[in-house]
Amino acid sequence: MQLEIERKFLVKKNWPRIGRRKTIRQGYLSTDKNRTVRVRLENERGLITIKGMPEGLSRPEFEYTIPGEDAAYLLDHLCRQPVIEKTRYIIDYEGRVWEIDEFHGDNQGLIIAEIELGEVSAEVPLPDWIGEEVTGDPRFYNANLIGHPYKEW
């Protein structure tokens, strides 16, 4: 088991679309308040992830690689619809790795930056393109964006 410790921020309009990119489709087999079961297709790589209930900035996480074809089937036939579609940019900034998700479809216009930490109290230098912190705000959980997409806010 891994303990996920992450912070989330909105991204300002002037952010640099640089870094490595991934195309991501993800959906949910379960969005129970105590756990989520996520299926993701990153380019051609399939993943299944089980996350426990958040406690502050952290929560238990179990992630496993699955065949891309299996992930695609699960996304198209068994996951709640619509699935999340986004482009992820991976940017190195002052020794830290930022993941910036630019959402598409029903969540077009939403851009969120995430940073994973080794410990809850870790100091994080913020790039000037980082906006308001939304860590812990359930509106910004990917699992909630399926039922309450950004275009409806």
C-alpha atoms as a PDB file:
ATOM      1  CA  MET A   1       0.000   0.000   0.000  1.00  0.00           C
ATOM      2  CA  GLN A   2       1.133   3.479  -0.799  1.00  0.00           C
ATOM      3  CA  LEU A   3       0.017   6.590   1.052  1.00  0.00           C
ATOM      4  CA  GLU A   4      -0.908   9.347  -1.393  1.00  0.00           C
ATOM      5  CA  ILE A   5      -0.145  12.830  -0.102  1.00  0.00           C
ATOM      6  CA  GLU A   6      -1.088  15.528  -2.577  1.00  0.00           C
ATOM      7  CA  ARG A   7      -2.141  19.134  -2.870  1.00  0.00           C
ATOM      8  CA  LYS A   8      -4.307  20.563  -5.642  1.00  0.00           C
ATOM      9  CA  PHE A   9      -4.428  24.076  -7.067  1.00  0.00           C
ATOM     10  CA  LEU A  10      -6.274  25.892  -9.800  1.00  0.00           C
ATOM     11  CA  VAL A  11      -4.030  27.060 -12.631  1.00  0.00           C
ATOM     12  CA  LYS A  12      -3.930  30.640 -13.873  1.00  0.00           C
ATOM     13  CA  LYS A  13      -4.504  31.428 -17.539  1.00  0.00           C
ATOM     14  CA  ASN A  14      -0.820  32.225 -18.232  1.00  0.00           C
ATOM     15  CA  TRP A  15       0.586  28.782 -17.465  1.00  0.00           C
ATOM     16  CA  PRO A  16       3.301  27.434 -19.772  1.00  0.00           C
ATOM     17  CA  ARG A  17       2.038  24.435 -21.733  1.00  0.00           C
ATOM     18  CA  ILE A  18       5.410  22.731 -21.528  1.00  0.00           C
ATOM     19  CA  GLY A  19       6.733  19.402 -20.291  1.00  0.00           C
ATOM     20  CA  ARG A  20       5.889  15.825 -21.105  1.00  0.00           C
ATOM     21  CA  ARG A  21       2.281  15.112 -22.111  1.00  0.00           C
ATOM     22  CA  LYS A  22      -0.110  12.215 -21.662  1.00  0.00           C
ATOM     23  CA  THR A  23      -3.611  11.742 -22.995  1.00  0.00           C
ATOM     24  CA  ILE A  24      -5.796  10.338 -20.222  1.00  0.00           C
ATOM     25  CA  ARG A  25      -9.242   8.756 -20.177  1.00  0.00           C
ATOM     26  CA  GLN A  26     -10.467   7.722 -16.777  1.00  0.00           C
ATOM     27  CA  GLY A  27     -13.650   6.419 -15.275  1.00  0.00           C
ATOM     28  CA  TYR A  28     -14.968   5.013 -12.047  1.00  0.00           C
ATOM     29  CA  LEU A  29     -16.342   1.613 -11.139  1.00  0.00           C
ATOM     30  CA  SER A  30     -17.112   2.894  -7.616  1.00  0.00           C
ATOM     31  CA  THR A  31     -17.418   6.385  -6.182  1.00  0.00           C
ATOM     32  CA  ASP A  32     -18.492   5.408  -2.693  1.00  0.00           C
ATOM     33  CA  LYS A  33     -17.596   8.122  -0.146  1.00  0.00           C
ATOM     34  CA  ASN A  34     -15.270   5.694   1.650  1.00  0.00           C
ATOM     35  CA  ARG A  35     -13.465   4.429  -1.469  1.00  0.00           C
ATOM     36  CA  THR A  36     -13.108   4.958  -5.187  1.00  0.00           C
ATOM     37  CA  VAL A  37     -12.148   2.426  -7.827  1.00  0.00           C
ATOM     38  CA  ARG A  38     -10.715   4.164 -10.869  1.00  0.00           C
ATOM     39  CA  VAL A  39      -9.801   2.817 -14.311  1.00  0.00           C
ATOM     40  CA  ARG A  40      -7.378   4.881 -16.358  1.00  0.00           C
ATOM     41  CA  LEU A  41      -5.931   4.682 -19.840  1.00  0.00           C
ATOM     42  CA  GLU A  42      -2.771   6.805 -20.134  1.00  0.00           C
ATOM     43  CA  ASN A  43      -1.931   6.798 -23.817  1.00  0.00           C
ATOM     44  CA  GLU A  44      -1.955   2.976 -24.277  1.00  0.00           C
ATOM     45  CA  ARG A  45      -1.185   1.970 -20.656  1.00  0.00           C
ATOM     46  CA  GLY A  46      -4.035   0.703 -18.471  1.00  0.00           C
ATOM     47  CA  LEU A  47      -4.240   1.212 -14.710  1.00  0.00           C
ATOM     48  CA  ILE A  48      -6.699   0.331 -11.983  1.00  0.00           C
ATOM     49  CA  THR A  49      -6.512   2.315  -8.763  1.00  0.00           C
ATOM     50  CA  ILE A  50      -8.300   1.904  -5.444  1.00  0.00           C
ATOM     51  CA  LYS A  51      -8.246   4.897  -3.105  1.00  0.00           C
ATOM     52  CA  GLY A  52      -9.454   5.052   0.467  1.00  0.00           C
ATOM     53  CA  MET A  53     -11.115   7.930   2.254  1.00  0.00           C
ATOM     54  CA  PRO A  54      -8.969  11.071   2.541  1.00  0.00           C
ATOM     55  CA  GLU A  55      -7.621  12.054   5.928  1.00  0.00           C
ATOM     56  CA  GLY A  56      -6.392  15.609   5.500  1.00  0.00           C
ATOM     57  CA  LEU A  57      -3.867  15.648   2.648  1.00  0.00           C
ATOM     58  CA  SER A  58      -3.354  11.872   2.553  1.00  0.00           C
ATOM     59  CA  ARG A  59      -5.212   8.672   1.766  1.00  0.00           C
ATOM     60  CA  PRO A  60      -4.342   5.033   1.082  1.00  0.00           C
ATOM     61  CA  GLU A  61      -3.825   4.165  -2.577  1.00  0.00           C
ATOM     62  CA  PHE A  62      -3.374   0.869  -4.422  1.00  0.00           C
ATOM     63  CA  GLU A  63      -2.483   1.072  -8.129  1.00  0.00           C
ATOM     64  CA  TYR A  64      -1.894  -1.739 -10.605  1.00  0.00           C
ATOM     65  CA  THR A  65      -1.101  -1.923 -14.320  1.00  0.00           C
ATOM     66  CA  ILE A  66      -3.654  -3.756 -16.465  1.00  0.00           C
ATOM     67  CA  PRO A  67      -3.694  -4.379 -20.233  1.00  0.00           C
ATOM     68  CA  GLY A  68      -4.686  -1.301 -22.224  1.00  0.00           C
ATOM     69  CA  GLU A  69      -7.414  -3.256 -24.020  1.00  0.00           C
ATOM     70  CA  ASP A  70      -8.960  -4.231 -20.672  1.00  0.00           C
ATOM     71  CA  ALA A  71      -8.877  -0.607 -19.485  1.00  0.00           C
ATOM     72  CA  ALA A  72     -10.556   0.554 -22.714  1.00  0.00           C
ATOM     73  CA  TYR A  73     -13.313  -2.061 -22.327  1.00  0.00           C
ATOM     74  CA  LEU A  74     -13.924  -1.131 -18.684  1.00  0.00           C
ATOM     75  CA  LEU A  75     -14.062   2.572 -19.582  1.00  0.00           C
ATOM     76  CA  ASP A  76     -16.506   2.020 -22.444  1.00  0.00           C
ATOM     77  CA  HIS A  77     -18.780  -0.610 -20.857  1.00  0.00           C
ATOM     78  CA  LEU A  78     -18.559  -0.780 -17.050  1.00  0.00           C
ATOM     79  CA  CYS A  79     -17.520   2.648 -15.739  1.00  0.00           C
ATOM     80  CA  ARG A  80     -19.951   5.433 -14.884  1.00  0.00           C
ATOM     81  CA  GLN A  81     -20.461   7.734 -17.849  1.00  0.00           C
ATOM     82  CA  PRO A  82     -19.297  10.086 -19.100  1.00  0.00           C
ATOM     83  CA  VAL A  83     -15.641   9.299 -18.506  1.00  0.00           C
ATOM     84  CA  ILE A  84     -13.125  12.035 -17.747  1.00  0.00           C
ATOM     85  CA  GLU A  85     -10.897  13.092 -20.632  1.00  0.00           C
ATOM     86  CA  LYS A  86      -7.861  15.280 -20.074  1.00  0.00           C
ATOM     87  CA  THR A  87      -4.353  16.089 -21.174  1.00  0.00           C
ATOM     88  CA  ARG A  88      -1.733  15.846 -18.442  1.00  0.00           C
ATOM     89  CA  TYR A  89       1.413  17.949 -18.568  1.00  0.00           C
ATOM     90  CA  ILE A  90       4.327  16.955 -16.318  1.00  0.00           C
ATOM     91  CA  ILE A  91       6.451  19.958 -15.382  1.00  0.00           C
ATOM     92  CA  ASP A  92       9.585  20.012 -13.224  1.00  0.00           C
ATOM     93  CA  TYR A  93       9.792  23.147 -11.079  1.00  0.00           C
ATOM     94  CA  GLU A  94      12.472  23.761  -8.454  1.00  0.00           C
ATOM     95  CA  GLY A  95      13.078  20.066  -7.836  1.00  0.00           C
ATOM     96  CA  ARG A  96       9.387  19.107  -7.661  1.00  0.00           C
ATOM     97  CA  VAL A  97       7.173  17.425 -10.245  1.00  0.00           C
ATOM     98  CA  TRP A  98       3.872  19.122 -11.014  1.00  0.00           C
ATOM     99  CA  GLU A  99       1.066  17.375 -12.904  1.00  0.00           C
ATOM    100  CA  ILE A 100      -1.233  19.814 -14.675  1.00  0.00           C
ATOM    101  CA  ASP A 101      -4.527  18.394 -15.922  1.00  0.00           C
ATOM    102  CA  GLU A 102      -6.305  20.286 -18.691  1.00  0.00           C
ATOM    103  CA  PHE A 103      -9.806  18.825 -18.847  1.00  0.00           C
ATOM    104  CA  HIS A 104     -11.860  18.295 -22.004  1.00  0.00           C
ATOM    105  CA  GLY A 105     -15.496  17.509 -22.798  1.00  0.00           C
ATOM    106  CA  ASP A 106     -17.975  18.433 -20.058  1.00  0.00           C
ATOM    107  CA  ASN A 107     -15.103  19.722 -17.899  1.00  0.00           C
ATOM    108  CA  GLN A 108     -13.543  21.952 -20.586  1.00  0.00           C
ATOM    109  CA  GLY A 109     -12.005  25.085 -19.053  1.00  0.00           C
ATOM    110  CA  LEU A 110     -10.958  23.420 -15.810  1.00  0.00           C
ATOM    111  CA  ILE A 111      -7.206  23.216 -15.266  1.00  0.00           C
ATOM    112  CA  ILE A 112      -5.857  21.743 -12.036  1.00  0.00           C
ATOM    113  CA  ALA A 113      -2.262  21.358 -10.861  1.00  0.00           C
ATOM    114  CA  GLU A 114      -1.372  18.561  -8.445  1.00  0.00           C
ATOM    115  CA  ILE A 115       1.806  17.930  -6.545  1.00  0.00           C
ATOM    116  CA  GLU A 116       2.519  14.739  -4.621  1.00  0.00           C
ATOM    117  CA  LEU A 117       4.504  15.068  -1.432  1.00  0.00           C
ATOM    118  CA  GLY A 118       6.630  12.764   0.668  1.00  0.00           C
ATOM    119  CA  GLU A 119       5.177  14.148   3.891  1.00  0.00           C
ATOM    120  CA  VAL A 120       2.200  16.299   4.866  1.00  0.00           C
ATOM    121  CA  SER A 121       4.347  19.140   6.226  1.00  0.00           C
ATOM    122  CA  ALA A 122       6.567  19.438   3.116  1.00  0.00           C
ATOM    123  CA  GLU A 123       7.214  22.994   1.930  1.00  0.00           C
ATOM    124  CA  VAL A 124       6.245  23.570  -1.693  1.00  0.00           C
ATOM    125  CA  PRO A 125       7.608  26.457  -3.775  1.00  0.00           C
ATOM    126  CA  LEU A 126       4.697  27.650  -5.925  1.00  0.00           C
ATOM    127  CA  PRO A 127       5.203  28.667  -9.552  1.00  0.00           C
ATOM    128  CA  ASP A 128       3.660  32.034 -10.477  1.00  0.00           C
ATOM    129  CA  TRP A 129       1.023  30.272 -12.598  1.00  0.00           C
ATOM    130  CA  ILE A 130      -0.462  28.508  -9.556  1.00  0.00           C
ATOM    131  CA  GLY A 131      -3.750  29.939  -8.308  1.00  0.00           C
ATOM    132  CA  GLU A 132      -6.131  29.128  -5.467  1.00  0.00           C
ATOM    133  CA  GLU A 133      -5.551  25.934  -3.492  1.00  0.00           C
ATOM    134  CA  VAL A 134      -8.485  23.497  -3.790  1.00  0.00           C
ATOM    135  CA  THR A 135      -7.085  20.554  -1.819  1.00  0.00           C
ATOM    136  CA  GLY A 136      -9.952  18.876  -0.006  1.00  0.00           C
ATOM    137  CA  ASP A 137     -12.690  20.644  -1.990  1.00  0.00           C
ATOM    138  CA  PRO A 138     -14.825  17.733  -3.240  1.00  0.00           C
ATOM    139  CA  ARG A 139     -16.017  19.679  -6.316  1.00  0.00           C
ATOM    140  CA  PHE A 140     -12.530  19.172  -7.775  1.00  0.00           C
ATOM    141  CA  TYR A 141     -12.295  15.411  -7.176  1.00  0.00           C
ATOM    142  CA  ASN A 142     -12.225  13.675 -10.549  1.00  0.00           C
ATOM    143  CA  ALA A 143     -14.792  11.170  -9.256  1.00  0.00           C
ATOM    144  CA  ASN A 144     -17.231  14.033  -8.588  1.00  0.00           C
ATOM    145  CA  LEU A 145     -16.659  15.696 -11.971  1.00  0.00           C
ATOM    146  CA  ILE A 146     -18.551  12.833 -13.629  1.00  0.00           C
ATOM    147  CA  GLY A 147     -21.861  13.647 -11.909  1.00  0.00           C
ATOM    148  CA  HIS A 148     -21.212  17.389 -11.526  1.00  0.00           C
ATOM    149  CA  PRO A 149     -19.149  18.513 -14.519  1.00  0.00           C
ATOM    150  CA  TYR A 150     -17.427  21.877 -14.522  1.00  0.00           C
ATOM    151  CA  LYS A 151     -19.647  23.218 -17.356  1.00  0.00           C
ATOM    152  CA  GLU A 152     -22.638  23.086 -14.957  1.00  0.00           C
ATOM    153  CA  TRP A 153     -21.107  25.185 -12.175  1.00  0.00           C
END
